[in-house]
Amino acid sequence: MDSPGVDSLNGLVLIGGKSIRMGQDKSVLAYHNKPQREHLTDLLQACCNKVFWSVNGHQAAELADVEQPLIVDAFDNIVGPLNGILSAFQAMPDAAWLVVACDMPLLTAQSIHALVIGRDPAKHATAFYDSDGRFPEPLLSIWEPSIWPILQKAIAEGAYSPRRILMMNDVHLLTAPNIRELVNINDPAAKEALKHQQ
């Protein structure tokens, strides 16, 4: 599956957020006739060696019986997606991680394939420009093992924004084949609006 000299690629579905604005766990919303976390897992399995769910401690207890491999947030002082990314590298620092947020219901195999094909392992990460077309989109991106020391330095300095970390380092940026697929659905109003757009 991997090219010679290219680090193995694992998938990481970020489901550990508190989903406060949505009022319910975004990872179990069914946009495609199954929970979103399972739909994204299916998409990632086509191009990753193994797919993990990034979960908080509470979810880890609830999901103890599922067969899906979990990576539990390991940093008590960090809130947000960076905790999941850091925890993945702490668990497997030699792997590259294809990171996907659970709140992108329009995401398809087209964008994931474009990201994997466009990957530059010589850079610290490969990411699309975000839905505004200006900055890196950290929550659909590939993070290479070389970024692990950079992440450790960032958290030591109190820098917890994944987007800012990408902006400050040598990363490969791509234009998404369909920018609409990067849209985040974070609250009931956006979810309802999405129904009328499809």
C-alpha atoms as a PDB file:
ATOM      1  CA  MET A   1       0.000   0.000   0.000  1.00  0.00           C
ATOM      2  CA  ASP A   2       2.789   2.453   0.856  1.00  0.00           C
ATOM      3  CA  SER A   3       5.354   3.779  -1.582  1.00  0.00           C
ATOM      4  CA  PRO A   4       8.964   2.913  -0.763  1.00  0.00           C
ATOM      5  CA  GLY A   5      10.246   5.160   1.993  1.00  0.00           C
ATOM      6  CA  VAL A   6       6.804   6.603   2.745  1.00  0.00           C
ATOM      7  CA  ASP A   7       5.586   6.205   6.317  1.00  0.00           C
ATOM      8  CA  SER A   8       2.517   4.067   6.825  1.00  0.00           C
ATOM      9  CA  LEU A   9      -0.754   5.971   6.814  1.00  0.00           C
ATOM     10  CA  ASN A  10      -3.307   5.503   9.586  1.00  0.00           C
ATOM     11  CA  GLY A  11      -6.747   7.070   9.676  1.00  0.00           C
ATOM     12  CA  LEU A  12      -7.967   9.093  12.664  1.00  0.00           C
ATOM     13  CA  VAL A  13     -11.635  10.016  12.963  1.00  0.00           C
ATOM     14  CA  LEU A  14     -11.956  12.800  15.527  1.00  0.00           C
ATOM     15  CA  ILE A  15     -15.080  12.096  17.592  1.00  0.00           C
ATOM     16  CA  GLY A  16     -13.919  13.266  21.040  1.00  0.00           C
ATOM     17  CA  GLY A  17     -15.462  16.739  21.003  1.00  0.00           C
ATOM     18  CA  LYS A  18     -18.217  17.727  23.409  1.00  0.00           C
ATOM     19  CA  SER A  19     -20.708  18.656  20.608  1.00  0.00           C
ATOM     20  CA  ILE A  20     -22.098  21.436  22.839  1.00  0.00           C
ATOM     21  CA  ARG A  21     -23.545  23.522  19.991  1.00  0.00           C
ATOM     22  CA  MET A  22     -25.195  20.522  18.325  1.00  0.00           C
ATOM     23  CA  GLY A  23     -26.676  19.328  21.624  1.00  0.00           C
ATOM     24  CA  GLN A  24     -25.926  15.702  20.797  1.00  0.00           C
ATOM     25  CA  ASP A  25     -22.912  13.622  19.785  1.00  0.00           C
ATOM     26  CA  LYS A  26     -22.094  14.674  16.202  1.00  0.00           C
ATOM     27  CA  SER A  27     -20.316  11.393  15.538  1.00  0.00           C
ATOM     28  CA  VAL A  28     -23.544   9.368  15.805  1.00  0.00           C
ATOM     29  CA  LEU A  29     -25.645  11.564  13.505  1.00  0.00           C
ATOM     30  CA  ALA A  30     -26.682   9.538  10.460  1.00  0.00           C
ATOM     31  CA  TYR A  31     -26.317  11.496   7.227  1.00  0.00           C
ATOM     32  CA  HIS A  32     -25.596   8.359   5.163  1.00  0.00           C
ATOM     33  CA  ASN A  33     -27.837   5.724   6.796  1.00  0.00           C
ATOM     34  CA  LYS A  34     -25.244   4.964   9.472  1.00  0.00           C
ATOM     35  CA  PRO A  35     -23.506   6.911  12.250  1.00  0.00           C
ATOM     36  CA  GLN A  36     -21.128   9.495  10.830  1.00  0.00           C
ATOM     37  CA  ARG A  37     -18.138   7.947  12.613  1.00  0.00           C
ATOM     38  CA  GLU A  38     -18.813   4.636  10.844  1.00  0.00           C
ATOM     39  CA  HIS A  39     -19.344   6.312   7.475  1.00  0.00           C
ATOM     40  CA  LEU A  40     -16.005   8.137   7.752  1.00  0.00           C
ATOM     41  CA  THR A  41     -14.295   4.937   8.870  1.00  0.00           C
ATOM     42  CA  ASP A  42     -15.532   3.240   5.707  1.00  0.00           C
ATOM     43  CA  LEU A  43     -14.168   6.098   3.580  1.00  0.00           C
ATOM     44  CA  LEU A  44     -10.745   5.992   5.265  1.00  0.00           C
ATOM     45  CA  GLN A  45     -10.340   2.225   5.154  1.00  0.00           C
ATOM     46  CA  ALA A  46      -9.842   2.403   1.396  1.00  0.00           C
ATOM     47  CA  CYS A  47      -6.542   4.279   1.779  1.00  0.00           C
ATOM     48  CA  CYS A  48      -5.301   3.677   5.342  1.00  0.00           C
ATOM     49  CA  ASN A  49      -3.558   0.733   6.967  1.00  0.00           C
ATOM     50  CA  LYS A  50      -5.786   1.016  10.027  1.00  0.00           C
ATOM     51  CA  VAL A  51      -8.477   3.457  11.148  1.00  0.00           C
ATOM     52  CA  PHE A  52      -8.820   4.647  14.755  1.00  0.00           C
ATOM     53  CA  TRP A  53     -11.466   6.668  16.535  1.00  0.00           C
ATOM     54  CA  SER A  54     -10.068   9.542  18.593  1.00  0.00           C
ATOM     55  CA  VAL A  55     -12.164   9.622  21.776  1.00  0.00           C
ATOM     56  CA  ASN A  56     -12.274  11.336  25.152  1.00  0.00           C
ATOM     57  CA  GLY A  57     -12.103   9.328  28.373  1.00  0.00           C
ATOM     58  CA  HIS A  58     -15.873   9.265  28.844  1.00  0.00           C
ATOM     59  CA  GLN A  59     -16.429   7.890  25.332  1.00  0.00           C
ATOM     60  CA  ALA A  60     -13.662   5.318  25.813  1.00  0.00           C
ATOM     61  CA  ALA A  61     -15.638   3.798  28.679  1.00  0.00           C
ATOM     62  CA  GLU A  62     -18.857   3.808  26.629  1.00  0.00           C
ATOM     63  CA  LEU A  63     -17.137   2.251  23.605  1.00  0.00           C
ATOM     64  CA  ALA A  64     -15.127  -0.340  25.516  1.00  0.00           C
ATOM     65  CA  ASP A  65     -16.982  -3.183  23.784  1.00  0.00           C
ATOM     66  CA  VAL A  66     -16.763  -1.957  20.182  1.00  0.00           C
ATOM     67  CA  GLU A  67     -14.312  -3.604  17.811  1.00  0.00           C
ATOM     68  CA  GLN A  68     -13.098  -0.289  16.400  1.00  0.00           C
ATOM     69  CA  PRO A  69      -9.607   0.578  17.699  1.00  0.00           C
ATOM     70  CA  LEU A  70      -9.611   3.701  19.876  1.00  0.00           C
ATOM     71  CA  ILE A  71      -7.046   6.330  20.753  1.00  0.00           C
ATOM     72  CA  VAL A  72      -8.008   8.010  24.009  1.00  0.00           C
ATOM     73  CA  ASP A  73      -7.163  11.675  24.641  1.00  0.00           C
ATOM     74  CA  ALA A  74      -3.954  11.626  26.663  1.00  0.00           C
ATOM     75  CA  PHE A  75      -3.592  15.326  27.525  1.00  0.00           C
ATOM     76  CA  ASP A  76      -5.814  16.620  30.329  1.00  0.00           C
ATOM     77  CA  ASN A  77      -4.903  20.270  29.778  1.00  0.00           C
ATOM     78  CA  ILE A  78      -5.721  20.440  26.042  1.00  0.00           C
ATOM     79  CA  VAL A  79      -9.266  20.942  24.782  1.00  0.00           C
ATOM     80  CA  GLY A  80     -10.095  20.410  21.130  1.00  0.00           C
ATOM     81  CA  PRO A  81      -8.876  18.434  18.128  1.00  0.00           C
ATOM     82  CA  LEU A  82      -5.183  18.939  18.860  1.00  0.00           C
ATOM     83  CA  ASN A  83      -5.560  16.555  21.816  1.00  0.00           C
ATOM     84  CA  GLY A  84      -6.623  13.791  19.434  1.00  0.00           C
ATOM     85  CA  ILE A  85      -3.769  14.441  17.009  1.00  0.00           C
ATOM     86  CA  LEU A  86      -1.173  14.609  19.786  1.00  0.00           C
ATOM     87  CA  SER A  87      -2.529  11.450  21.402  1.00  0.00           C
ATOM     88  CA  ALA A  88      -2.303   9.595  18.087  1.00  0.00           C
ATOM     89  CA  PHE A  89       1.349  10.556  17.654  1.00  0.00           C
ATOM     90  CA  GLN A  90       2.109   9.678  21.255  1.00  0.00           C
ATOM     91  CA  ALA A  91       0.645   6.219  20.630  1.00  0.00           C
ATOM     92  CA  MET A  92       2.355   5.718  17.237  1.00  0.00           C
ATOM     93  CA  PRO A  93       4.971   8.398  16.523  1.00  0.00           C
ATOM     94  CA  ASP A  94       6.326   6.678  13.402  1.00  0.00           C
ATOM     95  CA  ALA A  95       3.002   6.624  11.540  1.00  0.00           C
ATOM     96  CA  ALA A  96       1.504   9.362   9.408  1.00  0.00           C
ATOM     97  CA  TRP A  97      -2.083  10.254  10.305  1.00  0.00           C
ATOM     98  CA  LEU A  98      -4.918  11.089   7.936  1.00  0.00           C
ATOM     99  CA  VAL A  99      -7.114  13.140  10.252  1.00  0.00           C
ATOM    100  CA  VAL A 100     -10.830  13.689   9.600  1.00  0.00           C
ATOM    101  CA  ALA A 101     -13.327  15.559  11.791  1.00  0.00           C
ATOM    102  CA  CYS A 102     -16.680  13.857  12.342  1.00  0.00           C
ATOM    103  CA  ASP A 103     -18.668  17.013  11.504  1.00  0.00           C
ATOM    104  CA  MET A 104     -18.022  17.049   7.723  1.00  0.00           C
ATOM    105  CA  PRO A 105     -21.110  15.207   6.417  1.00  0.00           C
ATOM    106  CA  LEU A 106     -20.541  16.215   2.778  1.00  0.00           C
ATOM    107  CA  LEU A 107     -17.103  14.631   2.646  1.00  0.00           C
ATOM    108  CA  THR A 108     -16.715  11.935  -0.017  1.00  0.00           C
ATOM    109  CA  ALA A 109     -14.046   9.551  -1.239  1.00  0.00           C
ATOM    110  CA  GLN A 110     -13.215  12.088  -3.952  1.00  0.00           C
ATOM    111  CA  SER A 111     -11.635  14.554  -1.501  1.00  0.00           C
ATOM    112  CA  ILE A 112      -9.919  11.864   0.564  1.00  0.00           C
ATOM    113  CA  HIS A 113      -8.447  10.328  -2.592  1.00  0.00           C
ATOM    114  CA  ALA A 114      -7.240  13.758  -3.776  1.00  0.00           C
ATOM    115  CA  LEU A 115      -5.560  14.346  -0.422  1.00  0.00           C
ATOM    116  CA  VAL A 116      -3.790  10.973  -0.451  1.00  0.00           C
ATOM    117  CA  ILE A 117      -2.705  11.306  -4.096  1.00  0.00           C
ATOM    118  CA  GLY A 118      -1.504  14.862  -3.445  1.00  0.00           C
ATOM    119  CA  ARG A 119       0.401  13.903  -0.287  1.00  0.00           C
ATOM    120  CA  ASP A 120       3.979  15.158  -0.029  1.00  0.00           C
ATOM    121  CA  PRO A 121       5.713  13.093   2.688  1.00  0.00           C
ATOM    122  CA  ALA A 122       8.746  15.396   2.509  1.00  0.00           C
ATOM    123  CA  LYS A 123       6.633  18.160   4.092  1.00  0.00           C
ATOM    124  CA  HIS A 124       5.390  18.117   7.694  1.00  0.00           C
ATOM    125  CA  ALA A 125       1.781  17.806   6.551  1.00  0.00           C
ATOM    126  CA  THR A 126      -0.493  17.863   3.512  1.00  0.00           C
ATOM    127  CA  ALA A 127      -3.748  19.779   3.767  1.00  0.00           C
ATOM    128  CA  PHE A 128      -6.393  21.450   1.658  1.00  0.00           C
ATOM    129  CA  TYR A 129      -7.055  25.149   1.752  1.00  0.00           C
ATOM    130  CA  ASP A 130     -10.095  25.579   4.019  1.00  0.00           C
ATOM    131  CA  SER A 131     -13.627  26.374   2.829  1.00  0.00           C
ATOM    132  CA  ASP A 132     -12.697  30.083   2.669  1.00  0.00           C
ATOM    133  CA  GLY A 133      -9.737  29.218   0.424  1.00  0.00           C
ATOM    134  CA  ARG A 134      -7.267  31.134   2.601  1.00  0.00           C
ATOM    135  CA  PHE A 135      -5.788  28.919   5.313  1.00  0.00           C
ATOM    136  CA  PRO A 136      -4.943  25.219   5.814  1.00  0.00           C
ATOM    137  CA  GLU A 137      -7.843  22.974   6.843  1.00  0.00           C
ATOM    138  CA  PRO A 138      -6.364  20.944   9.717  1.00  0.00           C
ATOM    139  CA  LEU A 139      -9.373  18.681  10.180  1.00  0.00           C
ATOM    140  CA  LEU A 140      -9.017  16.976   6.810  1.00  0.00           C
ATOM    141  CA  SER A 141      -5.278  16.586   6.452  1.00  0.00           C
ATOM    142  CA  ILE A 142      -2.302  14.239   6.598  1.00  0.00           C
ATOM    143  CA  TRP A 143       0.193  14.820   9.415  1.00  0.00           C
ATOM    144  CA  GLU A 144       3.627  13.275   8.860  1.00  0.00           C
ATOM    145  CA  PRO A 145       5.822  11.839  11.652  1.00  0.00           C
ATOM    146  CA  SER A 146       8.229  14.773  11.225  1.00  0.00           C
ATOM    147  CA  ILE A 147       5.635  17.100  12.771  1.00  0.00           C
ATOM    148  CA  TRP A 148       5.550  15.252  16.112  1.00  0.00           C
ATOM    149  CA  PRO A 149       8.495  17.193  17.654  1.00  0.00           C
ATOM    150  CA  ILE A 150       6.957  20.418  16.314  1.00  0.00           C
ATOM    151  CA  LEU A 151       3.659  19.583  18.022  1.00  0.00           C
ATOM    152  CA  GLN A 152       5.435  18.850  21.288  1.00  0.00           C
ATOM    153  CA  LYS A 153       7.227  22.197  21.103  1.00  0.00           C
ATOM    154  CA  ALA A 154       3.958  23.985  20.282  1.00  0.00           C
ATOM    155  CA  ILE A 155       2.117  22.640  23.316  1.00  0.00           C
ATOM    156  CA  ALA A 156       5.108  23.415  25.542  1.00  0.00           C
ATOM    157  CA  GLU A 157       4.711  27.021  24.357  1.00  0.00           C
ATOM    158  CA  GLY A 158       0.925  26.992  24.875  1.00  0.00           C
ATOM    159  CA  ALA A 159       0.032  26.967  21.154  1.00  0.00           C
ATOM    160  CA  TYR A 160      -3.021  24.721  20.777  1.00  0.00           C
ATOM    161  CA  SER A 161      -4.416  25.698  17.356  1.00  0.00           C
ATOM    162  CA  PRO A 162      -3.873  22.977  14.720  1.00  0.00           C
ATOM    163  CA  ARG A 163      -4.514  25.498  11.930  1.00  0.00           C
ATOM    164  CA  ARG A 164      -1.933  27.918  13.288  1.00  0.00           C
ATOM    165  CA  ILE A 165       0.628  25.113  13.651  1.00  0.00           C
ATOM    166  CA  LEU A 166       0.131  24.240   9.988  1.00  0.00           C
ATOM    167  CA  MET A 167       0.359  27.901   8.981  1.00  0.00           C
ATOM    168  CA  MET A 168       3.669  28.327  10.821  1.00  0.00           C
ATOM    169  CA  ASN A 169       5.385  25.272   9.328  1.00  0.00           C
ATOM    170  CA  ASP A 170       6.436  23.731   6.017  1.00  0.00           C
ATOM    171  CA  VAL A 171       3.285  22.020   4.758  1.00  0.00           C
ATOM    172  CA  HIS A 172       1.963  21.085   1.331  1.00  0.00           C
ATOM    173  CA  LEU A 173      -1.323  22.831   0.473  1.00  0.00           C
ATOM    174  CA  LEU A 174      -3.830  21.596  -2.093  1.00  0.00           C
ATOM    175  CA  THR A 175      -7.037  22.952  -3.550  1.00  0.00           C
ATOM    176  CA  ALA A 176      -9.943  20.674  -2.678  1.00  0.00           C
ATOM    177  CA  PRO A 177     -11.742  19.162  -5.685  1.00  0.00           C
ATOM    178  CA  ASN A 178     -15.059  20.287  -4.149  1.00  0.00           C
ATOM    179  CA  ILE A 179     -14.736  22.968  -1.481  1.00  0.00           C
ATOM    180  CA  ARG A 180     -18.297  22.261  -0.277  1.00  0.00           C
ATOM    181  CA  GLU A 181     -17.136  18.928   1.142  1.00  0.00           C
ATOM    182  CA  LEU A 182     -15.082  20.773   3.779  1.00  0.00           C
ATOM    183  CA  VAL A 183     -18.107  22.470   5.367  1.00  0.00           C
ATOM    184  CA  ASN A 184     -18.557  21.771   9.087  1.00  0.00           C
ATOM    185  CA  ILE A 185     -22.057  21.190  10.455  1.00  0.00           C
ATOM    186  CA  ASN A 186     -21.909  22.164  14.129  1.00  0.00           C
ATOM    187  CA  ASP A 187     -25.428  23.104  15.232  1.00  0.00           C
ATOM    188  CA  PRO A 188     -29.065  22.089  14.642  1.00  0.00           C
ATOM    189  CA  ALA A 189     -29.771  25.083  12.374  1.00  0.00           C
ATOM    190  CA  ALA A 190     -26.901  24.167  10.029  1.00  0.00           C
ATOM    191  CA  LYS A 191     -28.008  20.539  10.088  1.00  0.00           C
ATOM    192  CA  GLU A 192     -31.561  21.528   9.155  1.00  0.00           C
ATOM    193  CA  ALA A 193     -30.332  23.866   6.402  1.00  0.00           C
ATOM    194  CA  LEU A 194     -28.210  21.061   4.973  1.00  0.00           C
ATOM    195  CA  LYS A 195     -31.336  18.892   4.579  1.00  0.00           C
ATOM    196  CA  HIS A 196     -32.909  21.503   2.299  1.00  0.00           C
ATOM    197  CA  GLN A 197     -29.730  21.908   0.216  1.00  0.00           C
ATOM    198  CA  GLN A 198     -29.348  18.250  -0.708  1.00  0.00           C
END
